[in-house]
Amino acid sequence: MSSANATILEKKYKNLVLQVSLTEVSFCIKDTLKDKIETINSFSFNKISNPTEIEQSLIKVFNETPELNTNFDEITVLHNNNLLTFVPSVLFDAQYISSYLQYNTKVFESDFFAYDLVTNNDMVTVYIPYVNINNFLIDRFGSFNYKHSFTILVKKVLEFSKNIDETQLYVHIQSDNFQIIAVKNQKLLLFNTFDYKTEEDFIYYLLFVAEQLNLNPEMVQLKLFGRVTKESNLYQIAYKYIRNVSLFFDHNNIENKISQQEYLQNFIPIHACE
């Protein structure tokens, strides 16, 4: 339950970020009094073909997680899907919101569209949220804010590229898809999301993007994060074809006592908790 308008005596000094996809639910709880992340957790499941089925998975997560069955001062729900596009602010008109997605995803008349402002970057994320999930969580929490996960993802990657004048590739890996973000000194050069089943799928798309951007695999800096370790097949095949590969870790999170693996896997909810 959210208590956004609570008085000082009613405040819980806890904020919740809940991220929902068709393969995973993850969350981050922040102690706002100590300005520290208190809890990070995630629950994976077999991919759900229909978003309506995710309600049962959400019920299971809530039943098994006492930390979620409390009151929070602020709740943010993140919708993690590939039903999105980024639009320059100067070209965006909310009146025509549905038109921005019709070229890269299947759009239906019944779809509900939403948008986020990517602050300080003159962009707008246009996307289709999981409406049934929002409805389920309204019954659970009463009220909350919601955004697209990749609004957080792209905003943070752009911040990390500040004052770096060479093109960098950031790759955020999930269980069955990954996002490639190409940036240069806070300019977004490319964002795309790809489904994959094998490491060969992964490296094909990665090298294809590098080729399209005229990036030399011997020179470009590739930073991997998400569901990846140095021992994983995806890291190993990237290292085989691209010289400068590293796991991405923001060392400022050491003071939060967040391990590298927690940070890599929960990059989006952790930064949404800020």
Protein backbone atom coordinates (compact mmCIF):
# COMPACT_ATOMS: atom_id res chain seq x y z
CA MET A 1 0.00 0.00 0.00
CA SER A 2 1.30 3.44 -0.90
CA SER A 3 1.26 6.30 1.57
CA ALA A 4 2.51 9.05 -0.71
CA ASN A 5 0.54 11.78 1.08
CA ALA A 6 1.37 10.57 4.59
CA THR A 7 2.30 12.94 7.39
CA ILE A 8 5.74 12.69 9.01
CA LEU A 9 4.33 10.46 11.76
CA GLU A 10 2.77 8.13 9.18
CA LYS A 11 5.79 7.88 6.91
CA LYS A 12 7.41 4.47 6.57
CA TYR A 13 10.71 5.72 5.09
CA LYS A 14 10.62 2.91 2.54
CA ASN A 15 10.23 3.12 -1.24
CA LEU A 16 9.51 0.17 -3.52
CA VAL A 17 10.51 -0.39 -7.13
CA LEU A 18 8.80 -3.42 -8.70
CA GLN A 19 9.85 -4.55 -12.18
CA VAL A 20 7.62 -6.93 -14.14
CA SER A 21 8.34 -8.83 -17.36
CA LEU A 22 6.97 -12.05 -18.87
CA THR A 23 9.91 -14.02 -17.45
CA GLU A 24 10.74 -12.30 -14.19
CA VAL A 25 9.56 -10.17 -11.29
CA SER A 26 12.25 -8.24 -9.43
CA PHE A 27 12.12 -5.58 -6.76
CA CYS A 28 14.23 -3.14 -4.83
CA ILE A 29 13.34 -1.62 -1.45
CA LYS A 30 15.11 1.56 -0.34
CA ASP A 31 15.40 2.85 3.22
CA THR A 32 14.99 6.58 2.57
CA LEU A 33 16.04 7.54 6.10
CA LYS A 34 19.46 5.90 5.67
CA ASP A 35 19.51 6.52 1.90
CA LYS A 36 20.46 2.86 1.40
CA ILE A 37 19.04 -0.02 -0.59
CA GLU A 38 17.66 -2.46 1.95
CA THR A 39 16.48 -5.40 -0.16
CA ILE A 40 17.02 -6.64 -3.71
CA ASN A 41 15.35 -9.79 -4.97
CA SER A 42 14.12 -11.41 -8.17
CA PHE A 43 11.90 -14.33 -9.16
CA SER A 44 12.23 -16.06 -12.53
CA PHE A 45 9.67 -18.26 -14.24
CA ASN A 46 9.03 -19.86 -17.61
CA LYS A 47 8.07 -17.31 -20.24
CA ILE A 48 4.40 -16.46 -20.16
CA SER A 49 2.78 -16.20 -23.57
CA ASN A 50 -0.11 -14.04 -22.39
CA PRO A 51 0.31 -11.12 -19.95
CA THR A 52 -2.94 -12.07 -18.18
CA GLU A 53 -1.22 -15.22 -16.92
CA ILE A 54 1.36 -13.19 -15.02
CA GLU A 55 -1.18 -12.34 -12.30
CA GLN A 56 -0.81 -15.85 -10.86
CA SER A 57 2.97 -15.43 -10.80
CA LEU A 58 2.60 -12.05 -9.08
CA ILE A 59 0.26 -13.53 -6.46
CA LYS A 60 2.86 -16.25 -5.78
CA VAL A 61 5.63 -13.63 -5.42
CA PHE A 62 3.57 -11.58 -2.95
CA ASN A 63 2.60 -14.69 -0.96
CA GLU A 64 6.25 -15.76 -0.66
CA THR A 65 7.73 -12.32 0.07
CA PRO A 66 6.83 -10.75 3.43
CA GLU A 67 8.81 -7.58 2.56
CA LEU A 68 6.27 -6.73 -0.13
CA ASN A 69 3.29 -7.02 2.20
CA THR A 70 3.81 -3.71 3.95
CA ASN A 71 3.25 -0.01 3.38
CA PHE A 72 5.56 2.18 1.32
CA ASP A 73 5.83 5.93 0.93
CA GLU A 74 6.38 5.63 -2.81
CA ILE A 75 5.90 2.78 -5.27
CA THR A 76 7.24 2.66 -8.82
CA VAL A 77 6.25 -0.13 -11.19
CA LEU A 78 8.52 -0.80 -14.17
CA HIS A 79 7.13 -2.44 -17.30
CA ASN A 80 9.85 -4.51 -18.98
CA ASN A 81 8.88 -5.39 -22.57
CA ASN A 82 9.92 -4.66 -26.14
CA LEU A 83 6.79 -2.64 -26.97
CA LEU A 84 8.54 0.73 -27.06
CA THR A 85 10.38 3.31 -29.07
CA PHE A 86 12.36 6.45 -28.29
CA VAL A 87 11.24 9.72 -29.89
CA PRO A 88 13.11 13.06 -29.92
CA SER A 89 11.17 15.54 -27.79
CA VAL A 90 10.85 18.02 -30.68
CA LEU A 91 9.03 15.39 -32.75
CA PHE A 92 6.71 14.15 -30.01
CA ASP A 93 3.02 15.04 -29.86
CA ALA A 94 0.94 13.15 -27.27
CA GLN A 95 -2.12 13.55 -29.47
CA TYR A 96 -0.59 11.13 -31.99
CA ILE A 97 1.04 8.78 -29.50
CA SER A 98 -0.10 5.56 -31.18
CA SER A 99 1.57 6.48 -34.49
CA TYR A 100 5.11 6.27 -33.10
CA LEU A 101 4.97 2.51 -32.47
CA GLN A 102 3.20 1.33 -35.59
CA TYR A 103 6.44 0.79 -37.55
CA ASN A 104 8.27 -1.41 -35.07
CA THR A 105 5.57 -3.35 -33.21
CA LYS A 106 2.11 -4.74 -33.84
CA VAL A 107 -0.41 -2.16 -32.64
CA PHE A 108 -4.10 -2.80 -31.98
CA GLU A 109 -6.92 -0.28 -31.59
CA SER A 110 -7.53 -1.58 -28.07
CA ASP A 111 -3.93 -0.91 -26.95
CA PHE A 112 -3.25 1.65 -24.23
CA PHE A 113 -0.22 3.86 -24.83
CA ALA A 114 1.93 5.68 -22.30
CA TYR A 115 5.08 7.77 -22.38
CA ASP A 116 7.98 8.77 -20.12
CA LEU A 117 10.13 11.86 -20.40
CA VAL A 118 13.81 10.90 -20.50
CA THR A 119 14.92 13.86 -18.42
CA ASN A 120 17.97 15.83 -19.54
CA ASN A 121 18.19 13.92 -22.81
CA ASP A 122 15.43 15.54 -24.92
CA MET A 123 13.73 12.20 -25.58
CA VAL A 124 10.44 10.53 -24.87
CA THR A 125 9.84 6.79 -24.37
CA VAL A 126 6.58 5.76 -26.04
CA TYR A 127 5.38 2.32 -24.97
CA ILE A 128 2.52 -0.07 -24.28
CA PRO A 129 2.36 -0.98 -20.58
CA TYR A 130 0.81 -4.19 -19.27
CA VAL A 131 -2.58 -2.73 -18.38
CA ASN A 132 -3.82 -5.85 -16.62
CA ILE A 133 -0.72 -5.81 -14.40
CA ASN A 134 -1.37 -2.17 -13.52
CA ASN A 135 -4.97 -3.07 -12.66
CA PHE A 136 -3.84 -5.97 -10.48
CA LEU A 137 -1.35 -3.75 -8.62
CA ILE A 138 -3.90 -0.95 -8.15
CA ASP A 139 -6.00 -3.48 -6.22
CA ARG A 140 -2.90 -4.42 -4.24
CA PHE A 141 -1.31 -1.03 -3.56
CA GLY A 142 -4.00 1.57 -4.21
CA SER A 143 -1.75 3.94 -6.16
CA PHE A 144 1.72 3.99 -7.71
CA ASN A 145 3.81 5.56 -10.45
CA TYR A 146 4.86 3.52 -13.45
CA LYS A 147 7.51 3.77 -16.16
CA HIS A 148 9.12 1.64 -18.82
CA SER A 149 12.21 -0.22 -17.60
CA PHE A 150 14.24 0.92 -20.59
CA THR A 151 13.63 4.57 -19.77
CA ILE A 152 15.76 3.94 -16.67
CA LEU A 153 18.22 1.78 -18.63
CA VAL A 154 18.93 4.32 -21.37
CA LYS A 155 18.96 7.33 -19.05
CA LYS A 156 21.62 5.75 -16.81
CA VAL A 157 23.79 4.52 -19.67
CA LEU A 158 23.73 8.03 -21.18
CA GLU A 159 24.84 9.43 -17.81
CA PHE A 160 27.75 6.99 -17.64
CA SER A 161 28.90 8.05 -21.13
CA LYS A 162 29.45 11.68 -20.09
CA ASN A 163 32.74 13.14 -21.39
CA ILE A 164 33.63 9.92 -23.24
CA ASP A 165 34.11 10.94 -26.86
CA GLU A 166 34.36 7.47 -28.37
CA THR A 167 31.38 5.26 -29.18
CA GLN A 168 30.67 2.63 -26.54
CA LEU A 169 28.39 -0.39 -26.72
CA TYR A 170 26.44 -1.36 -23.61
CA VAL A 171 24.60 -4.68 -23.75
CA HIS A 172 21.95 -5.48 -21.13
CA ILE A 173 21.27 -9.23 -21.12
CA GLN A 174 18.02 -10.84 -19.98
CA SER A 175 16.98 -14.49 -20.02
CA ASP A 176 15.67 -14.54 -23.59
CA ASN A 177 16.41 -11.08 -24.99
CA PHE A 178 19.03 -8.36 -24.78
CA GLN A 179 19.28 -4.64 -25.38
CA ILE A 180 22.12 -2.93 -27.27
CA ILE A 181 22.69 0.73 -26.45
CA ALA A 182 25.30 2.63 -28.46
CA VAL A 183 26.29 5.96 -26.90
CA LYS A 184 28.84 8.71 -27.32
CA ASN A 185 29.17 11.49 -24.72
CA GLN A 186 25.50 11.45 -23.66
CA LYS A 187 24.20 11.04 -27.21
CA LEU A 188 22.10 7.98 -28.00
CA LEU A 189 23.32 6.55 -31.32
CA LEU A 190 21.28 3.35 -31.27
CA PHE A 191 18.90 1.39 -29.08
CA ASN A 192 17.52 -1.98 -30.10
CA THR A 193 16.29 -5.11 -28.40
CA PHE A 194 16.80 -8.63 -29.77
CA ASP A 195 15.44 -12.04 -28.86
CA TYR A 196 17.99 -14.86 -28.67
CA LYS A 197 18.15 -18.58 -27.93
CA THR A 198 21.85 -19.37 -28.38
CA GLU A 199 25.16 -17.57 -27.96
CA GLU A 200 25.46 -17.68 -31.76
CA ASP A 201 22.25 -15.60 -32.04
CA PHE A 202 23.71 -13.18 -29.52
CA ILE A 203 27.05 -12.62 -31.27
CA TYR A 204 25.39 -12.40 -34.71
CA TYR A 205 23.23 -9.45 -33.66
CA LEU A 206 26.06 -7.83 -31.73
CA LEU A 207 28.50 -7.96 -34.65
CA PHE A 208 25.76 -6.85 -37.05
CA VAL A 209 25.12 -3.71 -34.97
CA ALA A 210 28.86 -3.01 -34.75
CA GLU A 211 29.12 -3.30 -38.53
CA GLN A 212 26.14 -1.00 -39.11
CA LEU A 213 27.75 1.63 -36.87
CA ASN A 214 31.18 1.17 -38.53
CA LEU A 215 32.73 0.12 -35.21
CA ASN A 216 35.99 -1.80 -35.23
CA PRO A 217 35.77 -4.94 -33.01
CA GLU A 218 39.45 -4.40 -32.20
CA MET A 219 38.79 -0.90 -30.82
CA VAL A 220 35.23 -0.55 -29.51
CA GLN A 221 34.58 -0.74 -25.77
CA LEU A 222 31.88 -3.35 -25.01
CA LYS A 223 30.30 -3.37 -21.56
CA LEU A 224 28.04 -6.29 -20.58
CA PHE A 225 25.56 -6.35 -17.71
CA GLY A 226 22.32 -8.07 -16.75
CA ARG A 227 22.28 -11.88 -16.56
CA VAL A 228 25.94 -12.41 -17.36
CA THR A 229 29.19 -13.45 -15.67
CA LYS A 230 32.74 -13.78 -16.98
CA GLU A 231 32.18 -17.56 -17.05
CA SER A 232 28.94 -17.40 -19.06
CA ASN A 233 28.80 -18.49 -22.71
CA LEU A 234 27.63 -15.05 -23.82
CA TYR A 235 30.63 -13.32 -22.24
CA GLN A 236 33.01 -15.90 -23.67
CA ILE A 237 31.73 -15.61 -27.24
CA ALA A 238 31.77 -11.80 -27.05
CA TYR A 239 35.38 -11.95 -25.84
CA LYS A 240 36.25 -14.22 -28.75
CA TYR A 241 35.19 -11.65 -31.36
CA ILE A 242 35.61 -8.28 -29.61
CA ARG A 243 38.88 -7.28 -27.98
CA ASN A 244 37.73 -4.87 -25.24
CA VAL A 245 34.97 -6.62 -23.28
CA SER A 246 34.20 -6.01 -19.62
CA LEU A 247 31.42 -6.47 -17.09
CA PHE A 248 29.88 -3.13 -16.23
CA PHE A 249 29.88 -2.18 -12.54
CA ASP A 250 29.32 1.24 -11.01
CA HIS A 251 31.73 1.22 -8.07
CA ASN A 252 29.69 3.86 -6.25
CA ASN A 253 27.41 0.99 -5.26
CA ILE A 254 30.11 -0.61 -3.13
CA GLU A 255 29.07 1.75 -0.33
CA ASN A 256 25.56 0.29 -0.61
CA LYS A 257 27.09 -3.17 -0.04
CA ILE A 258 25.69 -4.34 -3.36
CA SER A 259 27.76 -7.14 -4.88
CA GLN A 260 28.82 -6.99 -8.51
CA GLN A 261 26.49 -9.85 -9.41
CA GLU A 262 23.51 -8.21 -7.69
CA TYR A 263 24.30 -4.98 -9.49
CA LEU A 264 24.70 -6.60 -12.91
CA GLN A 265 21.45 -8.54 -12.65
CA ASN A 266 19.38 -5.77 -11.06
CA PHE A 267 20.80 -2.71 -12.79
CA ILE A 268 17.40 -1.27 -13.70
CA PRO A 269 15.56 -1.57 -10.34
CA ILE A 270 18.68 -0.45 -8.45
CA HIS A 271 18.93 2.77 -10.45
CA ALA A 272 15.17 3.27 -10.37
CA CYS A 273 15.52 3.19 -6.56
CA GLU A 274 17.83 6.23 -6.60
